[in-house]
Amino acid sequence: MDRNQSQLDSNEQKKEAKIQDLNQKVAVSQWIQFIGQFTEAIYLSQLAKLQPESKGEKTNVAGQWVQTLGQGIEAVGATTQGLTREEKLLVEAQIQGMIEDALQTVGNAMQVVANKEFITGDLRTYLDELIDKKDTIMGVF
């Protein structure tokens, strides 16, 4: 009986070690995503300064920064979850995850609105060009 219990304890320890390892890998992945989003936000901000300003561009950049903030919070929460077994800290990390989800959603919504503005502007330009061509062709006849 002691041998069976010992084997169960050993299996449980292996499982716990694997969970810890995977939680740490998740945390590293979250930080990699944060770095990617952060650099994207920086580059989008630089592009926005060089291009003609539009409401869509400002909204897009702001949305990216909101998402980046959310991803940073998620990375901190994932790190906390990966490094602790303390119940209070785990609950706090889960709350951070909910905040991150909300920020990511808001940031994505802002970028959807911005993309709608880009597409609407592009369609207007395209339609204006078509009308100009039609007028030119009709003027020939």
Protein backbone atom coordinates (compact mmCIF):
# COMPACT_ATOMS: atom_id res chain seq x y z
CA MET A 1 0.00 0.00 0.00
CA ASP A 2 2.83 2.40 0.82
CA ARG A 3 4.43 1.68 -2.55
CA ASN A 4 1.18 2.52 -4.36
CA GLN A 5 0.83 5.72 -2.35
CA SER A 6 4.45 6.60 -3.07
CA GLN A 7 3.90 6.05 -6.78
CA LEU A 8 0.75 8.21 -6.69
CA ASP A 9 2.66 10.96 -4.89
CA SER A 10 5.45 10.72 -7.46
CA ASN A 11 2.97 10.94 -10.35
CA GLU A 12 1.27 13.90 -8.69
CA GLN A 13 4.63 15.67 -8.28
CA LYS A 14 5.46 15.03 -11.95
CA LYS A 15 2.09 16.37 -12.98
CA GLU A 16 2.54 19.46 -10.79
CA ALA A 17 6.02 20.05 -12.25
CA LYS A 18 4.63 19.76 -15.79
CA ILE A 19 1.85 22.23 -14.96
CA GLN A 20 4.40 24.66 -13.54
CA ASP A 21 6.58 24.29 -16.63
CA LEU A 22 3.66 24.91 -18.99
CA ASN A 23 2.49 27.94 -16.99
CA GLN A 24 5.97 29.41 -17.31
CA LYS A 25 5.96 28.79 -21.05
CA VAL A 26 2.57 30.51 -21.31
CA ALA A 27 4.01 33.51 -19.44
CA VAL A 28 6.98 33.70 -21.81
CA SER A 29 4.61 33.52 -24.77
CA GLN A 30 2.54 36.36 -23.34
CA TRP A 31 5.65 38.53 -23.00
CA ILE A 32 6.64 37.75 -26.59
CA GLN A 33 3.16 38.83 -27.73
CA PHE A 34 3.45 42.00 -25.65
CA ILE A 35 6.80 42.86 -27.23
CA GLY A 36 5.32 42.31 -30.69
CA GLN A 37 2.28 44.46 -29.97
CA PHE A 38 4.40 47.14 -28.35
CA THR A 39 6.72 47.42 -31.35
CA GLU A 40 3.71 47.42 -33.70
CA ALA A 41 2.16 50.28 -31.71
CA ILE A 42 5.41 52.24 -31.94
CA TYR A 43 5.66 51.73 -35.71
CA LEU A 44 1.99 52.59 -36.27
CA SER A 45 2.50 55.77 -34.25
CA GLN A 46 5.51 56.69 -36.39
CA LEU A 47 3.55 55.99 -39.59
CA ALA A 48 0.68 58.12 -38.36
CA LYS A 49 3.06 61.05 -37.90
CA LEU A 50 4.35 60.74 -41.47
CA GLN A 51 1.01 60.26 -43.21
CA PRO A 52 -1.82 62.74 -43.61
CA GLU A 53 -3.81 62.75 -40.40
CA SER A 54 -7.21 61.20 -40.45
CA LYS A 55 -9.63 60.31 -37.73
CA GLY A 56 -9.34 56.67 -38.80
CA GLU A 57 -5.57 56.69 -38.40
CA LYS A 58 -5.76 58.20 -34.93
CA THR A 59 -8.40 55.68 -33.88
CA ASN A 60 -6.36 52.81 -35.28
CA VAL A 61 -3.22 53.86 -33.40
CA ALA A 62 -5.15 54.45 -30.18
CA GLY A 63 -6.76 51.01 -30.53
CA GLN A 64 -3.34 49.41 -30.95
CA TRP A 65 -2.08 51.12 -27.79
CA VAL A 66 -5.13 49.96 -25.83
CA GLN A 67 -4.49 46.41 -27.01
CA THR A 68 -0.83 46.73 -26.06
CA LEU A 69 -1.78 47.84 -22.57
CA GLY A 70 -4.10 44.86 -22.28
CA GLN A 71 -1.40 42.48 -23.48
CA GLY A 72 1.03 43.90 -20.92
CA ILE A 73 -1.48 43.28 -18.14
CA GLU A 74 -2.02 39.76 -19.45
CA ALA A 75 1.72 39.09 -19.45
CA VAL A 76 2.00 40.23 -15.83
CA GLY A 77 -0.97 38.05 -14.86
CA ALA A 78 0.39 35.02 -16.70
CA THR A 79 3.76 35.50 -15.01
CA THR A 80 2.07 35.65 -11.61
CA GLN A 81 0.10 32.48 -12.38
CA GLY A 82 3.26 30.74 -13.53
CA LEU A 83 5.29 31.63 -10.47
CA THR A 84 2.88 31.22 -7.58
CA ARG A 85 0.46 28.80 -6.02
CA GLU A 86 -0.82 31.38 -3.53
CA GLU A 87 -4.59 31.55 -3.91
CA LYS A 88 -4.87 35.32 -3.45
CA LEU A 89 -2.29 36.02 -6.14
CA LEU A 90 -3.92 33.53 -8.51
CA VAL A 91 -7.29 35.28 -8.11
CA GLU A 92 -5.64 38.65 -8.73
CA ALA A 93 -4.01 37.25 -11.86
CA GLN A 94 -7.38 36.00 -13.08
CA ILE A 95 -8.87 39.45 -12.50
CA GLN A 96 -5.99 40.92 -14.51
CA GLY A 97 -6.90 38.46 -17.26
CA MET A 98 -10.46 39.78 -17.32
CA ILE A 99 -9.19 43.37 -17.51
CA GLU A 100 -6.88 42.33 -20.35
CA ASP A 101 -9.79 40.72 -22.21
CA ALA A 102 -11.83 43.91 -21.85
CA LEU A 103 -8.96 46.11 -23.04
CA GLN A 104 -8.25 43.83 -25.99
CA THR A 105 -11.94 43.97 -26.93
CA VAL A 106 -12.05 47.77 -26.72
CA GLY A 107 -8.81 48.05 -28.72
CA ASN A 108 -10.11 45.67 -31.39
CA ALA A 109 -13.41 47.57 -31.60
CA MET A 110 -11.51 50.83 -32.06
CA GLN A 111 -9.54 49.29 -34.90
CA VAL A 112 -12.72 47.96 -36.52
CA VAL A 113 -14.14 51.49 -36.49
CA ALA A 114 -10.88 52.83 -37.93
CA ASN A 115 -10.86 50.22 -40.70
CA LYS A 116 -14.46 51.11 -41.56
CA GLU A 117 -13.37 54.72 -41.90
CA PHE A 118 -10.42 53.71 -44.11
CA ILE A 119 -12.62 51.55 -46.33
CA THR A 120 -15.32 54.22 -46.56
CA GLY A 121 -12.70 56.81 -47.57
CA ASP A 122 -11.18 54.44 -50.14
CA LEU A 123 -14.63 53.68 -51.60
CA ARG A 124 -15.43 57.39 -51.87
CA THR A 125 -12.15 57.99 -53.70
CA TYR A 126 -12.81 55.04 -56.02
CA LEU A 127 -16.36 56.18 -56.74
CA ASP A 128 -15.20 59.74 -57.40
CA GLU A 129 -12.64 58.40 -59.89
CA LEU A 130 -15.33 56.33 -61.61
CA ILE A 131 -17.62 59.35 -61.85
CA ASP A 132 -14.79 61.45 -63.30
CA LYS A 133 -14.08 58.75 -65.89
CA LYS A 134 -17.77 58.49 -66.74
CA ASP A 135 -18.00 62.26 -67.17
CA THR A 136 -14.88 62.23 -69.37
CA ILE A 137 -16.24 59.42 -71.52
CA MET A 138 -19.69 61.03 -71.75
CA GLY A 139 -18.07 64.35 -72.72
CA VAL A 140 -16.53 62.67 -75.76
CA PHE A 141 -19.96 61.76 -77.08
